């Protein structure tokens, strides 16, 4: 769960909404 939150932070910085939605 912590890893997923960290990945979502990276998705936000990259403006990658598809990846963010997947991790979310």
PDBML (XML) file of the C-alpha atoms, coordinates in Angstrom:
<?xml version="1.0" encoding="UTF-8" ?>
<PDBx:datablock datablockName="MODEL"
   xmlns:PDBx="http://pdbml.pdb.org/schema/pdbx-v50.xsd"
   xmlns:xsi="http://www.w3.org/2001/XMLSchema-instance"
   xsi:schemaLocation="http://pdbml.pdb.org/schema/pdbx-v50.xsd pdbx-v50.xsd">
   <PDBx:atom_siteCategory>
      <PDBx:atom_site id="1">
         <PDBx:B_iso_or_equiv>0.00</PDBx:B_iso_or_equiv>
         <PDBx:Cartn_x>0.000</PDBx:Cartn_x>
         <PDBx:Cartn_y>0.000</PDBx:Cartn_y>
         <PDBx:Cartn_z>0.000</PDBx:Cartn_z>
         <PDBx:auth_asym_id>A</PDBx:auth_asym_id>
         <PDBx:auth_atom_id>CA</PDBx:auth_atom_id>
         <PDBx:auth_comp_id>UNK</PDBx:auth_comp_id>
         <PDBx:auth_seq_id>1</PDBx:auth_seq_id>
         <PDBx:group_PDB>ATOM</PDBx:group_PDB>
         <PDBx:label_alt_id xsi:nil="true" />
         <PDBx:label_asym_id>A</PDBx:label_asym_id>
         <PDBx:label_atom_id>CA</PDBx:label_atom_id>
         <PDBx:label_comp_id>UNK</PDBx:label_comp_id>
         <PDBx:label_entity_id>1</PDBx:label_entity_id>
         <PDBx:label_seq_id>1</PDBx:label_seq_id>
         <PDBx:occupancy>1.00</PDBx:occupancy>
         <PDBx:pdbx_PDB_model_num>1</PDBx:pdbx_PDB_model_num>
         <PDBx:type_symbol>C</PDBx:type_symbol>
      </PDBx:atom_site>
      <PDBx:atom_site id="2">
         <PDBx:B_iso_or_equiv>0.00</PDBx:B_iso_or_equiv>
         <PDBx:Cartn_x>2.856</PDBx:Cartn_x>
         <PDBx:Cartn_y>2.386</PDBx:Cartn_y>
         <PDBx:Cartn_z>0.840</PDBx:Cartn_z>
         <PDBx:auth_asym_id>A</PDBx:auth_asym_id>
         <PDBx:auth_atom_id>CA</PDBx:auth_atom_id>
         <PDBx:auth_comp_id>UNK</PDBx:auth_comp_id>
         <PDBx:auth_seq_id>2</PDBx:auth_seq_id>
         <PDBx:group_PDB>ATOM</PDBx:group_PDB>
         <PDBx:label_alt_id xsi:nil="true" />
         <PDBx:label_asym_id>A</PDBx:label_asym_id>
         <PDBx:label_atom_id>CA</PDBx:label_atom_id>
         <PDBx:label_comp_id>UNK</PDBx:label_comp_id>
         <PDBx:label_entity_id>1</PDBx:label_entity_id>
         <PDBx:label_seq_id>2</PDBx:label_seq_id>
         <PDBx:occupancy>1.00</PDBx:occupancy>
         <PDBx:pdbx_PDB_model_num>1</PDBx:pdbx_PDB_model_num>
         <PDBx:type_symbol>C</PDBx:type_symbol>
      </PDBx:atom_site>
      <PDBx:atom_site id="3">
         <PDBx:B_iso_or_equiv>0.00</PDBx:B_iso_or_equiv>
         <PDBx:Cartn_x>4.573</PDBx:Cartn_x>
         <PDBx:Cartn_y>1.501</PDBx:Cartn_y>
         <PDBx:Cartn_z>-2.440</PDBx:Cartn_z>
         <PDBx:auth_asym_id>A</PDBx:auth_asym_id>
         <PDBx:auth_atom_id>CA</PDBx:auth_atom_id>
         <PDBx:auth_comp_id>UNK</PDBx:auth_comp_id>
         <PDBx:auth_seq_id>3</PDBx:auth_seq_id>
         <PDBx:group_PDB>ATOM</PDBx:group_PDB>
         <PDBx:label_alt_id xsi:nil="true" />
         <PDBx:label_asym_id>A</PDBx:label_asym_id>
         <PDBx:label_atom_id>CA</PDBx:label_atom_id>
         <PDBx:label_comp_id>UNK</PDBx:label_comp_id>
         <PDBx:label_entity_id>1</PDBx:label_entity_id>
         <PDBx:label_seq_id>3</PDBx:label_seq_id>
         <PDBx:occupancy>1.00</PDBx:occupancy>
         <PDBx:pdbx_PDB_model_num>1</PDBx:pdbx_PDB_model_num>
         <PDBx:type_symbol>C</PDBx:type_symbol>
      </PDBx:atom_site>
      <PDBx:atom_site id="4">
         <PDBx:B_iso_or_equiv>0.00</PDBx:B_iso_or_equiv>
         <PDBx:Cartn_x>1.364</PDBx:Cartn_x>
         <PDBx:Cartn_y>2.310</PDBx:Cartn_y>
         <PDBx:Cartn_z>-4.330</PDBx:Cartn_z>
         <PDBx:auth_asym_id>A</PDBx:auth_asym_id>
         <PDBx:auth_atom_id>CA</PDBx:auth_atom_id>
         <PDBx:auth_comp_id>UNK</PDBx:auth_comp_id>
         <PDBx:auth_seq_id>4</PDBx:auth_seq_id>
         <PDBx:group_PDB>ATOM</PDBx:group_PDB>
         <PDBx:label_alt_id xsi:nil="true" />
         <PDBx:label_asym_id>A</PDBx:label_asym_id>
         <PDBx:label_atom_id>CA</PDBx:label_atom_id>
         <PDBx:label_comp_id>UNK</PDBx:label_comp_id>
         <PDBx:label_entity_id>1</PDBx:label_entity_id>
         <PDBx:label_seq_id>4</PDBx:label_seq_id>
         <PDBx:occupancy>1.00</PDBx:occupancy>
         <PDBx:pdbx_PDB_model_num>1</PDBx:pdbx_PDB_model_num>
         <PDBx:type_symbol>C</PDBx:type_symbol>
      </PDBx:atom_site>
      <PDBx:atom_site id="5">
         <PDBx:B_iso_or_equiv>0.00</PDBx:B_iso_or_equiv>
         <PDBx:Cartn_x>1.101</PDBx:Cartn_x>
         <PDBx:Cartn_y>5.700</PDBx:Cartn_y>
         <PDBx:Cartn_z>-2.630</PDBx:Cartn_z>
         <PDBx:auth_asym_id>A</PDBx:auth_asym_id>
         <PDBx:auth_atom_id>CA</PDBx:auth_atom_id>
         <PDBx:auth_comp_id>UNK</PDBx:auth_comp_id>
         <PDBx:auth_seq_id>5</PDBx:auth_seq_id>
         <PDBx:group_PDB>ATOM</PDBx:group_PDB>
         <PDBx:label_alt_id xsi:nil="true" />
         <PDBx:label_asym_id>A</PDBx:label_asym_id>
         <PDBx:label_atom_id>CA</PDBx:label_atom_id>
         <PDBx:label_comp_id>UNK</PDBx:label_comp_id>
         <PDBx:label_entity_id>1</PDBx:label_entity_id>
         <PDBx:label_seq_id>5</PDBx:label_seq_id>
         <PDBx:occupancy>1.00</PDBx:occupancy>
         <PDBx:pdbx_PDB_model_num>1</PDBx:pdbx_PDB_model_num>
         <PDBx:type_symbol>C</PDBx:type_symbol>
      </PDBx:atom_site>
      <PDBx:atom_site id="6">
         <PDBx:B_iso_or_equiv>0.00</PDBx:B_iso_or_equiv>
         <PDBx:Cartn_x>4.711</PDBx:Cartn_x>
         <PDBx:Cartn_y>6.426</PDBx:Cartn_y>
         <PDBx:Cartn_z>-3.598</PDBx:Cartn_z>
         <PDBx:auth_asym_id>A</PDBx:auth_asym_id>
         <PDBx:auth_atom_id>CA</PDBx:auth_atom_id>
         <PDBx:auth_comp_id>UNK</PDBx:auth_comp_id>
         <PDBx:auth_seq_id>6</PDBx:auth_seq_id>
         <PDBx:group_PDB>ATOM</PDBx:group_PDB>
         <PDBx:label_alt_id xsi:nil="true" />
         <PDBx:label_asym_id>A</PDBx:label_asym_id>
         <PDBx:label_atom_id>CA</PDBx:label_atom_id>
         <PDBx:label_comp_id>UNK</PDBx:label_comp_id>
         <PDBx:label_entity_id>1</PDBx:label_entity_id>
         <PDBx:label_seq_id>6</PDBx:label_seq_id>
         <PDBx:occupancy>1.00</PDBx:occupancy>
         <PDBx:pdbx_PDB_model_num>1</PDBx:pdbx_PDB_model_num>
         <PDBx:type_symbol>C</PDBx:type_symbol>
      </PDBx:atom_site>
      <PDBx:atom_site id="7">
         <PDBx:B_iso_or_equiv>0.00</PDBx:B_iso_or_equiv>
         <PDBx:Cartn_x>3.981</PDBx:Cartn_x>
         <PDBx:Cartn_y>5.385</PDBx:Cartn_y>
         <PDBx:Cartn_z>-7.192</PDBx:Cartn_z>
         <PDBx:auth_asym_id>A</PDBx:auth_asym_id>
         <PDBx:auth_atom_id>CA</PDBx:auth_atom_id>
         <PDBx:auth_comp_id>UNK</PDBx:auth_comp_id>
         <PDBx:auth_seq_id>7</PDBx:auth_seq_id>
         <PDBx:group_PDB>ATOM</PDBx:group_PDB>
         <PDBx:label_alt_id xsi:nil="true" />
         <PDBx:label_asym_id>A</PDBx:label_asym_id>
         <PDBx:label_atom_id>CA</PDBx:label_atom_id>
         <PDBx:label_comp_id>UNK</PDBx:label_comp_id>
         <PDBx:label_entity_id>1</PDBx:label_entity_id>
         <PDBx:label_seq_id>7</PDBx:label_seq_id>
         <PDBx:occupancy>1.00</PDBx:occupancy>
         <PDBx:pdbx_PDB_model_num>1</PDBx:pdbx_PDB_model_num>
         <PDBx:type_symbol>C</PDBx:type_symbol>
      </PDBx:atom_site>
      <PDBx:atom_site id="8">
         <PDBx:B_iso_or_equiv>0.00</PDBx:B_iso_or_equiv>
         <PDBx:Cartn_x>0.974</PDBx:Cartn_x>
         <PDBx:Cartn_y>7.709</PDBx:Cartn_y>
         <PDBx:Cartn_z>-7.274</PDBx:Cartn_z>
         <PDBx:auth_asym_id>A</PDBx:auth_asym_id>
         <PDBx:auth_atom_id>CA</PDBx:auth_atom_id>
         <PDBx:auth_comp_id>UNK</PDBx:auth_comp_id>
         <PDBx:auth_seq_id>8</PDBx:auth_seq_id>
         <PDBx:group_PDB>ATOM</PDBx:group_PDB>
         <PDBx:label_alt_id xsi:nil="true" />
         <PDBx:label_asym_id>A</PDBx:label_asym_id>
         <PDBx:label_atom_id>CA</PDBx:label_atom_id>
         <PDBx:label_comp_id>UNK</PDBx:label_comp_id>
         <PDBx:label_entity_id>1</PDBx:label_entity_id>
         <PDBx:label_seq_id>8</PDBx:label_seq_id>
         <PDBx:occupancy>1.00</PDBx:occupancy>
         <PDBx:pdbx_PDB_model_num>1</PDBx:pdbx_PDB_model_num>
         <PDBx:type_symbol>C</PDBx:type_symbol>
      </PDBx:atom_site>
      <PDBx:atom_site id="9">
         <PDBx:B_iso_or_equiv>0.00</PDBx:B_iso_or_equiv>
         <PDBx:Cartn_x>3.192</PDBx:Cartn_x>
         <PDBx:Cartn_y>10.583</PDBx:Cartn_y>
         <PDBx:Cartn_z>-6.147</PDBx:Cartn_z>
         <PDBx:auth_asym_id>A</PDBx:auth_asym_id>
         <PDBx:auth_atom_id>CA</PDBx:auth_atom_id>
         <PDBx:auth_comp_id>UNK</PDBx:auth_comp_id>
         <PDBx:auth_seq_id>9</PDBx:auth_seq_id>
         <PDBx:group_PDB>ATOM</PDBx:group_PDB>
         <PDBx:label_alt_id xsi:nil="true" />
         <PDBx:label_asym_id>A</PDBx:label_asym_id>
         <PDBx:label_atom_id>CA</PDBx:label_atom_id>
         <PDBx:label_comp_id>UNK</PDBx:label_comp_id>
         <PDBx:label_entity_id>1</PDBx:label_entity_id>
         <PDBx:label_seq_id>9</PDBx:label_seq_id>
         <PDBx:occupancy>1.00</PDBx:occupancy>
         <PDBx:pdbx_PDB_model_num>1</PDBx:pdbx_PDB_model_num>
         <PDBx:type_symbol>C</PDBx:type_symbol>
      </PDBx:atom_site>
      <PDBx:atom_site id="10">
         <PDBx:B_iso_or_equiv>0.00</PDBx:B_iso_or_equiv>
         <PDBx:Cartn_x>5.450</PDBx:Cartn_x>
         <PDBx:Cartn_y>9.816</PDBx:Cartn_y>
         <PDBx:Cartn_z>-9.119</PDBx:Cartn_z>
         <PDBx:auth_asym_id>A</PDBx:auth_asym_id>
         <PDBx:auth_atom_id>CA</PDBx:auth_atom_id>
         <PDBx:auth_comp_id>UNK</PDBx:auth_comp_id>
         <PDBx:auth_seq_id>10</PDBx:auth_seq_id>
         <PDBx:group_PDB>ATOM</PDBx:group_PDB>
         <PDBx:label_alt_id xsi:nil="true" />
         <PDBx:label_asym_id>A</PDBx:label_asym_id>
         <PDBx:label_atom_id>CA</PDBx:label_atom_id>
         <PDBx:label_comp_id>UNK</PDBx:label_comp_id>
         <PDBx:label_entity_id>1</PDBx:label_entity_id>
         <PDBx:label_seq_id>10</PDBx:label_seq_id>
         <PDBx:occupancy>1.00</PDBx:occupancy>
         <PDBx:pdbx_PDB_model_num>1</PDBx:pdbx_PDB_model_num>
         <PDBx:type_symbol>C</PDBx:type_symbol>
      </PDBx:atom_site>
      <PDBx:atom_site id="11">
         <PDBx:B_iso_or_equiv>0.00</PDBx:B_iso_or_equiv>
         <PDBx:Cartn_x>2.434</PDBx:Cartn_x>
         <PDBx:Cartn_y>9.583</PDBx:Cartn_y>
         <PDBx:Cartn_z>-11.457</PDBx:Cartn_z>
         <PDBx:auth_asym_id>A</PDBx:auth_asym_id>
         <PDBx:auth_atom_id>CA</PDBx:auth_atom_id>
         <PDBx:auth_comp_id>UNK</PDBx:auth_comp_id>
         <PDBx:auth_seq_id>11</PDBx:auth_seq_id>
         <PDBx:group_PDB>ATOM</PDBx:group_PDB>
         <PDBx:label_alt_id xsi:nil="true" />
         <PDBx:label_asym_id>A</PDBx:label_asym_id>
         <PDBx:label_atom_id>CA</PDBx:label_atom_id>
         <PDBx:label_comp_id>UNK</PDBx:label_comp_id>
         <PDBx:label_entity_id>1</PDBx:label_entity_id>
         <PDBx:label_seq_id>11</PDBx:label_seq_id>
         <PDBx:occupancy>1.00</PDBx:occupancy>
         <PDBx:pdbx_PDB_model_num>1</PDBx:pdbx_PDB_model_num>
         <PDBx:type_symbol>C</PDBx:type_symbol>
      </PDBx:atom_site>
      <PDBx:atom_site id="12">
         <PDBx:B_iso_or_equiv>0.00</PDBx:B_iso_or_equiv>
         <PDBx:Cartn_x>1.313</PDBx:Cartn_x>
         <PDBx:Cartn_y>13.030</PDBx:Cartn_y>
         <PDBx:Cartn_z>-10.325</PDBx:Cartn_z>
         <PDBx:auth_asym_id>A</PDBx:auth_asym_id>
         <PDBx:auth_atom_id>CA</PDBx:auth_atom_id>
         <PDBx:auth_comp_id>UNK</PDBx:auth_comp_id>
         <PDBx:auth_seq_id>12</PDBx:auth_seq_id>
         <PDBx:group_PDB>ATOM</PDBx:group_PDB>
         <PDBx:label_alt_id xsi:nil="true" />
         <PDBx:label_asym_id>A</PDBx:label_asym_id>
         <PDBx:label_atom_id>CA</PDBx:label_atom_id>
         <PDBx:label_comp_id>UNK</PDBx:label_comp_id>
         <PDBx:label_entity_id>1</PDBx:label_entity_id>
         <PDBx:label_seq_id>12</PDBx:label_seq_id>
         <PDBx:occupancy>1.00</PDBx:occupancy>
         <PDBx:pdbx_PDB_model_num>1</PDBx:pdbx_PDB_model_num>
         <PDBx:type_symbol>C</PDBx:type_symbol>
      </PDBx:atom_site>
      <PDBx:atom_site id="13">
         <PDBx:B_iso_or_equiv>0.00</PDBx:B_iso_or_equiv>
         <PDBx:Cartn_x>4.764</PDBx:Cartn_x>
         <PDBx:Cartn_y>14.522</PDBx:Cartn_y>
         <PDBx:Cartn_z>-11.002</PDBx:Cartn_z>
         <PDBx:auth_asym_id>A</PDBx:auth_asym_id>
         <PDBx:auth_atom_id>CA</PDBx:auth_atom_id>
         <PDBx:auth_comp_id>UNK</PDBx:auth_comp_id>
         <PDBx:auth_seq_id>13</PDBx:auth_seq_id>
         <PDBx:group_PDB>ATOM</PDBx:group_PDB>
         <PDBx:label_alt_id xsi:nil="true" />
         <PDBx:label_asym_id>A</PDBx:label_asym_id>
         <PDBx:label_atom_id>CA</PDBx:label_atom_id>
         <PDBx:label_comp_id>UNK</PDBx:label_comp_id>
         <PDBx:label_entity_id>1</PDBx:label_entity_id>
         <PDBx:label_seq_id>13</PDBx:label_seq_id>
         <PDBx:occupancy>1.00</PDBx:occupancy>
         <PDBx:pdbx_PDB_model_num>1</PDBx:pdbx_PDB_model_num>
         <PDBx:type_symbol>C</PDBx:type_symbol>
      </PDBx:atom_site>
      <PDBx:atom_site id="14">
         <PDBx:B_iso_or_equiv>0.00</PDBx:B_iso_or_equiv>
         <PDBx:Cartn_x>4.783</PDBx:Cartn_x>
         <PDBx:Cartn_y>12.924</PDBx:Cartn_y>
         <PDBx:Cartn_z>-14.483</PDBx:Cartn_z>
         <PDBx:auth_asym_id>A</PDBx:auth_asym_id>
         <PDBx:auth_atom_id>CA</PDBx:auth_atom_id>
         <PDBx:auth_comp_id>UNK</PDBx:auth_comp_id>
         <PDBx:auth_seq_id>14</PDBx:auth_seq_id>
         <PDBx:group_PDB>ATOM</PDBx:group_PDB>
         <PDBx:label_alt_id xsi:nil="true" />
         <PDBx:label_asym_id>A</PDBx:label_asym_id>
         <PDBx:label_atom_id>CA</PDBx:label_atom_id>
         <PDBx:label_comp_id>UNK</PDBx:label_comp_id>
         <PDBx:label_entity_id>1</PDBx:label_entity_id>
         <PDBx:label_seq_id>14</PDBx:label_seq_id>
         <PDBx:occupancy>1.00</PDBx:occupancy>
         <PDBx:pdbx_PDB_model_num>1</PDBx:pdbx_PDB_model_num>
         <PDBx:type_symbol>C</PDBx:type_symbol>
      </PDBx:atom_site>
      <PDBx:atom_site id="15">
         <PDBx:B_iso_or_equiv>0.00</PDBx:B_iso_or_equiv>
         <PDBx:Cartn_x>1.147</PDBx:Cartn_x>
         <PDBx:Cartn_y>13.933</PDBx:Cartn_y>
         <PDBx:Cartn_z>-15.083</PDBx:Cartn_z>
         <PDBx:auth_asym_id>A</PDBx:auth_asym_id>
         <PDBx:auth_atom_id>CA</PDBx:auth_atom_id>
         <PDBx:auth_comp_id>UNK</PDBx:auth_comp_id>
         <PDBx:auth_seq_id>15</PDBx:auth_seq_id>
         <PDBx:group_PDB>ATOM</PDBx:group_PDB>
         <PDBx:label_alt_id xsi:nil="true" />
         <PDBx:label_asym_id>A</PDBx:label_asym_id>
         <PDBx:label_atom_id>CA</PDBx:label_atom_id>
         <PDBx:label_comp_id>UNK</PDBx:label_comp_id>
         <PDBx:label_entity_id>1</PDBx:label_entity_id>
         <PDBx:label_seq_id>15</PDBx:label_seq_id>
         <PDBx:occupancy>1.00</PDBx:occupancy>
         <PDBx:pdbx_PDB_model_num>1</PDBx:pdbx_PDB_model_num>
         <PDBx:type_symbol>C</PDBx:type_symbol>
      </PDBx:atom_site>
      <PDBx:atom_site id="16">
         <PDBx:B_iso_or_equiv>0.00</PDBx:B_iso_or_equiv>
         <PDBx:Cartn_x>0.393</PDBx:Cartn_x>
         <PDBx:Cartn_y>10.323</PDBx:Cartn_y>
         <PDBx:Cartn_z>-16.005</PDBx:Cartn_z>
         <PDBx:auth_asym_id>A</PDBx:auth_asym_id>
         <PDBx:auth_atom_id>CA</PDBx:auth_atom_id>
         <PDBx:auth_comp_id>UNK</PDBx:auth_comp_id>
         <PDBx:auth_seq_id>16</PDBx:auth_seq_id>
         <PDBx:group_PDB>ATOM</PDBx:group_PDB>
         <PDBx:label_alt_id xsi:nil="true" />
         <PDBx:label_asym_id>A</PDBx:label_asym_id>
         <PDBx:label_atom_id>CA</PDBx:label_atom_id>
         <PDBx:label_comp_id>UNK</PDBx:label_comp_id>
         <PDBx:label_entity_id>1</PDBx:label_entity_id>
         <PDBx:label_seq_id>16</PDBx:label_seq_id>
         <PDBx:occupancy>1.00</PDBx:occupancy>
         <PDBx:pdbx_PDB_model_num>1</PDBx:pdbx_PDB_model_num>
         <PDBx:type_symbol>C</PDBx:type_symbol>
      </PDBx:atom_site>
      <PDBx:atom_site id="17">
         <PDBx:B_iso_or_equiv>0.00</PDBx:B_iso_or_equiv>
         <PDBx:Cartn_x>-3.297</PDBx:Cartn_x>
         <PDBx:Cartn_y>9.985</PDBx:Cartn_y>
         <PDBx:Cartn_z>-15.172</PDBx:Cartn_z>
         <PDBx:auth_asym_id>A</PDBx:auth_asym_id>
         <PDBx:auth_atom_id>CA</PDBx:auth_atom_id>
         <PDBx:auth_comp_id>UNK</PDBx:auth_comp_id>
         <PDBx:auth_seq_id>17</PDBx:auth_seq_id>
         <PDBx:group_PDB>ATOM</PDBx:group_PDB>
         <PDBx:label_alt_id xsi:nil="true" />
         <PDBx:label_asym_id>A</PDBx:label_asym_id>
         <PDBx:label_atom_id>CA</PDBx:label_atom_id>
         <PDBx:label_comp_id>UNK</PDBx:label_comp_id>
         <PDBx:label_entity_id>1</PDBx:label_entity_id>
         <PDBx:label_seq_id>17</PDBx:label_seq_id>
         <PDBx:occupancy>1.00</PDBx:occupancy>
         <PDBx:pdbx_PDB_model_num>1</PDBx:pdbx_PDB_model_num>
         <PDBx:type_symbol>C</PDBx:type_symbol>
      </PDBx:atom_site>
      <PDBx:atom_site id="18">
         <PDBx:B_iso_or_equiv>0.00</PDBx:B_iso_or_equiv>
         <PDBx:Cartn_x>-3.683</PDBx:Cartn_x>
         <PDBx:Cartn_y>6.526</PDBx:Cartn_y>
         <PDBx:Cartn_z>-16.720</PDBx:Cartn_z>
         <PDBx:auth_asym_id>A</PDBx:auth_asym_id>
         <PDBx:auth_atom_id>CA</PDBx:auth_atom_id>
         <PDBx:auth_comp_id>UNK</PDBx:auth_comp_id>
         <PDBx:auth_seq_id>18</PDBx:auth_seq_id>
         <PDBx:group_PDB>ATOM</PDBx:group_PDB>
         <PDBx:label_alt_id xsi:nil="true" />
         <PDBx:label_asym_id>A</PDBx:label_asym_id>
         <PDBx:label_atom_id>CA</PDBx:label_atom_id>
         <PDBx:label_comp_id>UNK</PDBx:label_comp_id>
         <PDBx:label_entity_id>1</PDBx:label_entity_id>
         <PDBx:label_seq_id>18</PDBx:label_seq_id>
         <PDBx:occupancy>1.00</PDBx:occupancy>
         <PDBx:pdbx_PDB_model_num>1</PDBx:pdbx_PDB_model_num>
         <PDBx:type_symbol>C</PDBx:type_symbol>
      </PDBx:atom_site>
      <PDBx:atom_site id="19">
         <PDBx:B_iso_or_equiv>0.00</PDBx:B_iso_or_equiv>
         <PDBx:Cartn_x>-0.962</PDBx:Cartn_x>
         <PDBx:Cartn_y>5.154</PDBx:Cartn_y>
         <PDBx:Cartn_z>-14.464</PDBx:Cartn_z>
         <PDBx:auth_asym_id>A</PDBx:auth_asym_id>
         <PDBx:auth_atom_id>CA</PDBx:auth_atom_id>
         <PDBx:auth_comp_id>UNK</PDBx:auth_comp_id>
         <PDBx:auth_seq_id>19</PDBx:auth_seq_id>
         <PDBx:group_PDB>ATOM</PDBx:group_PDB>
         <PDBx:label_alt_id xsi:nil="true" />
         <PDBx:label_asym_id>A</PDBx:label_asym_id>
         <PDBx:label_atom_id>CA</PDBx:label_atom_id>
         <PDBx:label_comp_id>UNK</PDBx:label_comp_id>
         <PDBx:label_entity_id>1</PDBx:label_entity_id>
         <PDBx:label_seq_id>19</PDBx:label_seq_id>
         <PDBx:occupancy>1.00</PDBx:occupancy>
         <PDBx:pdbx_PDB_model_num>1</PDBx:pdbx_PDB_model_num>
         <PDBx:type_symbol>C</PDBx:type_symbol>
      </PDBx:atom_site>
      <PDBx:atom_site id="20">
         <PDBx:B_iso_or_equiv>0.00</PDBx:B_iso_or_equiv>
         <PDBx:Cartn_x>-2.381</PDBx:Cartn_x>
         <PDBx:Cartn_y>7.049</PDBx:Cartn_y>
         <PDBx:Cartn_z>-11.479</PDBx:Cartn_z>
         <PDBx:auth_asym_id>A</PDBx:auth_asym_id>
         <PDBx:auth_atom_id>CA</PDBx:auth_atom_id>
         <PDBx:auth_comp_id>UNK</PDBx:auth_comp_id>
         <PDBx:auth_seq_id>20</PDBx:auth_seq_id>
         <PDBx:group_PDB>ATOM</PDBx:group_PDB>
         <PDBx:label_alt_id xsi:nil="true" />
         <PDBx:label_asym_id>A</PDBx:label_asym_id>
         <PDBx:label_atom_id>CA</PDBx:label_atom_id>
         <PDBx:label_comp_id>UNK</PDBx:label_comp_id>
         <PDBx:label_entity_id>1</PDBx:label_entity_id>
         <PDBx:label_seq_id>20</PDBx:label_seq_id>
         <PDBx:occupancy>1.00</PDBx:occupancy>
         <PDBx:pdbx_PDB_model_num>1</PDBx:pdbx_PDB_model_num>
         <PDBx:type_symbol>C</PDBx:type_symbol>
      </PDBx:atom_site>
      <PDBx:atom_site id="21">
         <PDBx:B_iso_or_equiv>0.00</PDBx:B_iso_or_equiv>
         <PDBx:Cartn_x>-5.850</PDBx:Cartn_x>
         <PDBx:Cartn_y>5.562</PDBx:Cartn_y>
         <PDBx:Cartn_z>-12.028</PDBx:Cartn_z>
         <PDBx:auth_asym_id>A</PDBx:auth_asym_id>
         <PDBx:auth_atom_id>CA</PDBx:auth_atom_id>
         <PDBx:auth_comp_id>UNK</PDBx:auth_comp_id>
         <PDBx:auth_seq_id>21</PDBx:auth_seq_id>
         <PDBx:group_PDB>ATOM</PDBx:group_PDB>
         <PDBx:label_alt_id xsi:nil="true" />
         <PDBx:label_asym_id>A</PDBx:label_asym_id>
         <PDBx:label_atom_id>CA</PDBx:label_atom_id>
         <PDBx:label_comp_id>UNK</PDBx:label_comp_id>
         <PDBx:label_entity_id>1</PDBx:label_entity_id>
         <PDBx:label_seq_id>21</PDBx:label_seq_id>
         <PDBx:occupancy>1.00</PDBx:occupancy>
         <PDBx:pdbx_PDB_model_num>1</PDBx:pdbx_PDB_model_num>
         <PDBx:type_symbol>C</PDBx:type_symbol>
      </PDBx:atom_site>
      <PDBx:atom_site id="22">
         <PDBx:B_iso_or_equiv>0.00</PDBx:B_iso_or_equiv>
         <PDBx:Cartn_x>-4.368</PDBx:Cartn_x>
         <PDBx:Cartn_y>2.074</PDBx:Cartn_y>
         <PDBx:Cartn_z>-12.242</PDBx:Cartn_z>
         <PDBx:auth_asym_id>A</PDBx:auth_asym_id>
         <PDBx:auth_atom_id>CA</PDBx:auth_atom_id>
         <PDBx:auth_comp_id>UNK</PDBx:auth_comp_id>
         <PDBx:auth_seq_id>22</PDBx:auth_seq_id>
         <PDBx:group_PDB>ATOM</PDBx:group_PDB>
         <PDBx:label_alt_id xsi:nil="true" />
         <PDBx:label_asym_id>A</PDBx:label_asym_id>
         <PDBx:label_atom_id>CA</PDBx:label_atom_id>
         <PDBx:label_comp_id>UNK</PDBx:label_comp_id>
         <PDBx:label_entity_id>1</PDBx:label_entity_id>
         <PDBx:label_seq_id>22</PDBx:label_seq_id>
         <PDBx:occupancy>1.00</PDBx:occupancy>
         <PDBx:pdbx_PDB_model_num>1</PDBx:pdbx_PDB_model_num>
         <PDBx:type_symbol>C</PDBx:type_symbol>
      </PDBx:atom_site>
      <PDBx:atom_site id="23">
         <PDBx:B_iso_or_equiv>0.00</PDBx:B_iso_or_equiv>
         <PDBx:Cartn_x>-2.412</PDBx:Cartn_x>
         <PDBx:Cartn_y>2.488</PDBx:Cartn_y>
         <PDBx:Cartn_z>-9.007</PDBx:Cartn_z>
         <PDBx:auth_asym_id>A</PDBx:auth_asym_id>
         <PDBx:auth_atom_id>CA</PDBx:auth_atom_id>
         <PDBx:auth_comp_id>UNK</PDBx:auth_comp_id>
         <PDBx:auth_seq_id>23</PDBx:auth_seq_id>
         <PDBx:group_PDB>ATOM</PDBx:group_PDB>
         <PDBx:label_alt_id xsi:nil="true" />
         <PDBx:label_asym_id>A</PDBx:label_asym_id>
         <PDBx:label_atom_id>CA</PDBx:label_atom_id>
         <PDBx:label_comp_id>UNK</PDBx:label_comp_id>
         <PDBx:label_entity_id>1</PDBx:label_entity_id>
         <PDBx:label_seq_id>23</PDBx:label_seq_id>
         <PDBx:occupancy>1.00</PDBx:occupancy>
         <PDBx:pdbx_PDB_model_num>1</PDBx:pdbx_PDB_model_num>
         <PDBx:type_symbol>C</PDBx:type_symbol>
      </PDBx:atom_site>
      <PDBx:atom_site id="24">
         <PDBx:B_iso_or_equiv>0.00</PDBx:B_iso_or_equiv>
         <PDBx:Cartn_x>-5.394</PDBx:Cartn_x>
         <PDBx:Cartn_y>4.140</PDBx:Cartn_y>
         <PDBx:Cartn_z>-7.323</PDBx:Cartn_z>
         <PDBx:auth_asym_id>A</PDBx:auth_asym_id>
         <PDBx:auth_atom_id>CA</PDBx:auth_atom_id>
         <PDBx:auth_comp_id>UNK</PDBx:auth_comp_id>
         <PDBx:auth_seq_id>24</PDBx:auth_seq_id>
         <PDBx:group_PDB>ATOM</PDBx:group_PDB>
         <PDBx:label_alt_id xsi:nil="true" />
         <PDBx:label_asym_id>A</PDBx:label_asym_id>
         <PDBx:label_atom_id>CA</PDBx:label_atom_id>
         <PDBx:label_comp_id>UNK</PDBx:label_comp_id>
         <PDBx:label_entity_id>1</PDBx:label_entity_id>
         <PDBx:label_seq_id>24</PDBx:label_seq_id>
         <PDBx:occupancy>1.00</PDBx:occupancy>
         <PDBx:pdbx_PDB_model_num>1</PDBx:pdbx_PDB_model_num>
         <PDBx:type_symbol>C</PDBx:type_symbol>
      </PDBx:atom_site>
   </PDBx:atom_siteCategory>
</PDBx:datablock>
